[in-house]
């Protein structure tokens, strides 16, 4: 009876001690082998349960760790990076429901926050383009891809607008250089300033016109 109680309460050491006592009292007891087998089976059952518990904890720990990058970017309000990492996390198979819920809620919020930042810039860019203020349109599209590098319209428009603006700036820059070469410095300065108004601030012609203006004003 004491032995059965020990097994039920998983006190296997106590059970083994009881077997030892039985063997001391009755070395020929035929039930000892059965008792030892039962303890062995119970030990194996506990070992398997412990292994399952350990594997479950390790998987949970791994899932929590994999959520950290997306969660970190979300906390830092880096919406685009957060969206990428959270989407990546949600592709994991056999994920835990609570982590799926947490990641999904952050993803929805990140998409919302990014739209709140991008949408006004998108409207401004389209409006500027419709008014043929191509540089303003370009600058707004550049702001958009700094927030969302994957915004298709912005990526396409930046490439097209930059080509158009650079071509205009190139022509004006050549005129300015010609004016400078024949010592029409005031006219040259005006043309270089025009380049700054036309060329994207990240373009070669913008930088070259800035450099020429500094030289002309120093001279």
Protein backbone atom coordinates (compact mmCIF):
# COMPACT_ATOMS: atom_id res chain seq x y z
CA UNK A 1 0.00 0.00 0.00
CA UNK A 2 2.82 2.37 0.88
CA UNK A 3 4.56 1.45 -2.39
CA UNK A 4 1.44 2.20 -4.50
CA UNK A 5 1.10 5.58 -2.74
CA UNK A 6 4.71 6.39 -3.55
CA UNK A 7 4.14 5.69 -7.24
CA UNK A 8 1.00 7.79 -7.33
CA UNK A 9 2.82 10.76 -5.84
CA UNK A 10 5.89 10.24 -8.04
CA UNK A 11 8.09 9.72 -5.03
CA UNK A 12 10.18 7.17 -6.85
CA UNK A 13 13.14 7.39 -4.49
CA UNK A 14 10.88 6.47 -1.61
CA UNK A 15 9.47 3.61 -3.67
CA UNK A 16 12.94 2.30 -4.41
CA UNK A 17 13.78 2.53 -0.71
CA UNK A 18 10.70 0.42 0.04
CA UNK A 19 11.88 -2.20 -2.44
CA UNK A 20 15.26 -2.22 -0.70
CA UNK A 21 13.54 -2.82 2.61
CA UNK A 22 11.50 -5.67 1.13
CA UNK A 23 14.61 -7.31 -0.30
CA UNK A 24 16.34 -7.08 3.09
CA UNK A 25 13.38 -8.69 4.81
CA UNK A 26 12.51 -11.18 2.10
CA UNK A 27 15.28 -11.63 -0.50
CA UNK A 28 13.26 -14.29 -2.30
CA UNK A 29 10.14 -12.15 -2.73
CA UNK A 30 8.78 -12.79 -6.22
CA UNK A 31 7.00 -9.43 -6.43
CA UNK A 32 10.22 -7.42 -6.32
CA UNK A 33 10.93 -7.87 -10.06
CA UNK A 34 7.44 -6.63 -10.97
CA UNK A 35 7.84 -3.70 -8.60
CA UNK A 36 11.20 -2.76 -10.12
CA UNK A 37 9.69 -2.95 -13.62
CA UNK A 38 6.82 -0.72 -12.58
CA UNK A 39 9.24 1.83 -11.13
CA UNK A 40 11.31 1.67 -14.32
CA UNK A 41 8.22 2.28 -16.44
CA UNK A 42 7.21 5.19 -14.24
CA UNK A 43 10.70 6.69 -14.46
CA UNK A 44 10.61 6.44 -18.26
CA UNK A 45 7.19 8.09 -18.32
CA UNK A 46 8.47 10.96 -16.19
CA UNK A 47 11.58 11.25 -18.36
CA UNK A 48 9.45 11.55 -21.50
CA UNK A 49 7.20 14.13 -19.88
CA UNK A 50 10.22 16.13 -18.76
CA UNK A 51 11.69 15.94 -22.28
CA UNK A 52 8.41 17.15 -23.76
CA UNK A 53 8.27 20.00 -21.25
CA UNK A 54 11.85 21.00 -22.04
CA UNK A 55 11.25 20.93 -25.79
CA UNK A 56 8.08 22.98 -25.35
CA UNK A 57 9.95 25.56 -23.28
CA UNK A 58 12.77 25.72 -25.81
CA UNK A 59 10.34 26.20 -28.70
CA UNK A 60 8.48 28.89 -26.80
CA UNK A 61 11.73 30.63 -25.98
CA UNK A 62 12.75 30.43 -29.65
CA UNK A 63 9.42 31.91 -30.81
CA UNK A 64 9.62 34.76 -28.31
CA UNK A 65 13.18 35.48 -29.46
CA UNK A 66 12.09 35.52 -33.12
CA UNK A 67 9.40 38.09 -32.31
CA UNK A 68 11.94 40.46 -30.71
CA UNK A 69 13.22 42.12 -33.95
CA UNK A 70 9.74 43.02 -35.18
CA UNK A 71 8.67 44.14 -31.74
CA UNK A 72 11.83 46.23 -31.38
CA UNK A 73 11.29 48.04 -34.68
CA UNK A 74 7.65 48.60 -33.71
CA UNK A 75 8.63 50.20 -30.40
CA UNK A 76 11.17 52.38 -32.24
CA UNK A 77 8.43 53.39 -34.73
CA UNK A 78 10.39 52.09 -37.66
CA UNK A 79 7.22 50.95 -39.36
CA UNK A 80 8.61 49.53 -42.59
CA UNK A 81 11.19 47.35 -40.84
CA UNK A 82 8.60 46.32 -38.25
CA UNK A 83 6.18 45.25 -40.99
CA UNK A 84 8.83 43.15 -42.73
CA UNK A 85 9.88 41.37 -39.55
CA UNK A 86 6.34 40.85 -38.25
CA UNK A 87 5.21 39.39 -41.57
CA UNK A 88 8.23 37.11 -41.47
CA UNK A 89 7.33 36.03 -37.93
CA UNK A 90 3.73 35.26 -38.89
CA UNK A 91 4.94 32.81 -41.55
CA UNK A 92 6.36 30.50 -38.86
CA UNK A 93 4.42 27.24 -38.77
CA UNK A 94 2.85 25.90 -35.57
CA UNK A 95 3.22 29.27 -33.87
CA UNK A 96 1.69 30.01 -30.47
CA UNK A 97 -1.73 31.67 -30.65
CA UNK A 98 -0.91 34.42 -28.16
CA UNK A 99 2.23 35.37 -30.10
CA UNK A 100 0.31 35.32 -33.39
CA UNK A 101 -2.26 37.68 -31.87
CA UNK A 102 0.43 40.00 -30.50
CA UNK A 103 2.32 40.10 -33.81
CA UNK A 104 -0.88 40.60 -35.84
CA UNK A 105 -1.97 43.52 -33.68
CA UNK A 106 1.43 45.20 -34.00
CA UNK A 107 1.42 44.58 -37.76
CA UNK A 108 -2.00 46.19 -38.19
CA UNK A 109 -0.92 49.20 -36.11
CA UNK A 110 2.37 49.54 -37.99
CA UNK A 111 0.56 49.53 -41.34
CA UNK A 112 -1.85 52.15 -40.05
CA UNK A 113 0.91 54.39 -38.70
CA UNK A 114 2.93 54.13 -41.91
CA UNK A 115 -0.13 55.08 -43.96
CA UNK A 116 -0.70 58.11 -41.75
CA UNK A 117 2.82 59.30 -42.60
CA UNK A 118 2.88 58.32 -46.27
CA UNK A 119 -0.60 59.31 -47.48
CA UNK A 120 -0.24 63.10 -46.99
CA UNK A 121 3.13 63.02 -48.78
CA UNK A 122 1.64 60.99 -51.60
CA UNK A 123 -1.15 63.55 -52.05
CA UNK A 124 1.39 66.39 -51.98
CA UNK A 125 3.60 64.67 -54.55
CA UNK A 126 0.69 64.03 -56.92
CA UNK A 127 -0.55 67.59 -56.51
CA UNK A 128 2.89 69.05 -57.22
CA UNK A 129 3.29 66.88 -60.31
CA UNK A 130 -0.12 67.94 -61.63
CA UNK A 131 1.03 71.56 -61.27
CA UNK A 132 4.28 70.67 -63.06
CA UNK A 133 6.33 71.42 -59.98
CA UNK A 134 8.44 68.37 -60.68
CA UNK A 135 11.14 69.08 -58.12
CA UNK A 136 8.58 69.39 -55.32
CA UNK A 137 6.95 66.17 -56.49
CA UNK A 138 10.34 64.46 -56.55
CA UNK A 139 11.27 65.64 -53.05
CA UNK A 140 7.98 64.35 -51.63
CA UNK A 141 8.43 60.97 -53.29
CA UNK A 142 11.93 60.79 -51.77
CA UNK A 143 10.42 61.43 -48.33
CA UNK A 144 7.97 58.60 -48.97
CA UNK A 145 10.62 55.97 -49.75
CA UNK A 146 12.52 56.97 -46.61
CA UNK A 147 9.42 55.84 -44.72
CA UNK A 148 8.39 53.02 -47.03
CA UNK A 149 11.13 51.90 -49.45
CA UNK A 150 8.68 49.51 -51.07
CA UNK A 151 6.10 52.11 -52.11
CA UNK A 152 5.71 51.29 -55.81
CA UNK A 153 4.47 54.66 -57.03
CA UNK A 154 7.27 56.53 -55.27
CA UNK A 155 9.96 54.19 -56.60
CA UNK A 156 8.71 54.56 -60.19
CA UNK A 157 8.17 58.33 -60.03
CA UNK A 158 11.55 59.04 -58.46
CA UNK A 159 13.34 57.32 -61.32
CA UNK A 160 11.31 59.08 -64.02
CA UNK A 161 11.32 62.52 -62.40
CA UNK A 162 15.03 62.43 -61.67
CA UNK A 163 15.79 61.79 -65.35
CA UNK A 164 13.62 64.72 -66.44
CA UNK A 165 14.97 67.10 -63.80
CA UNK A 166 18.58 66.16 -64.41
CA UNK A 167 18.18 66.77 -68.12
CA UNK A 168 16.75 70.24 -67.46
CA UNK A 169 19.47 70.97 -64.94
CA UNK A 170 22.16 69.77 -67.34
CA UNK A 171 21.06 72.25 -70.02
CA UNK A 172 20.88 75.17 -67.58
CA UNK A 173 24.24 74.23 -66.06
CA UNK A 174 25.86 74.31 -69.50
CA UNK A 175 24.39 77.77 -70.12
CA UNK A 176 25.75 78.92 -66.77
CA UNK A 177 29.21 77.58 -67.54
CA UNK A 178 29.15 79.37 -70.89
CA UNK A 179 28.17 82.66 -69.22
CA UNK A 180 30.98 82.23 -66.75
CA UNK A 181 33.48 81.45 -69.50
CA UNK A 182 32.78 84.80 -71.21
CA UNK A 183 32.96 86.65 -67.88
CA UNK A 184 29.21 87.31 -67.56
CA UNK A 185 29.39 86.48 -63.88
CA UNK A 186 26.04 87.95 -62.83
CA UNK A 187 24.25 85.99 -65.57
CA UNK A 188 26.26 82.90 -64.69
CA UNK A 189 25.23 83.18 -61.03
CA UNK A 190 21.60 83.53 -62.04
CA UNK A 191 21.85 80.37 -64.13
CA UNK A 192 23.60 78.41 -61.40
CA UNK A 193 20.87 79.49 -58.99
CA UNK A 194 18.31 78.31 -61.51
CA UNK A 195 20.02 74.93 -61.51
CA UNK A 196 19.47 74.74 -57.74
CA UNK A 197 15.78 75.42 -58.26
CA UNK A 198 15.44 72.70 -60.88
CA UNK A 199 17.83 69.92 -59.93
CA UNK A 200 17.11 67.40 -57.14
CA UNK A 201 19.21 68.22 -54.09
CA UNK A 202 20.85 64.81 -54.32
CA UNK A 203 21.88 65.21 -57.96
CA UNK A 204 25.30 65.84 -59.46
CA UNK A 205 24.21 69.09 -61.10
CA UNK A 206 22.87 70.52 -57.85
CA UNK A 207 26.20 69.89 -56.13
CA UNK A 208 28.23 71.24 -59.03
CA UNK A 209 26.09 74.40 -59.26
CA UNK A 210 26.50 74.95 -55.49
CA UNK A 211 30.27 74.66 -55.85
CA UNK A 212 30.38 77.11 -58.78
CA UNK A 213 28.26 79.66 -56.88
CA UNK A 214 30.58 79.52 -53.88
CA UNK A 215 33.56 80.11 -56.16
CA UNK A 216 31.88 82.97 -58.00
CA UNK A 217 30.86 84.74 -54.80
CA UNK A 218 34.36 84.32 -53.37
CA UNK A 219 35.91 85.64 -56.53
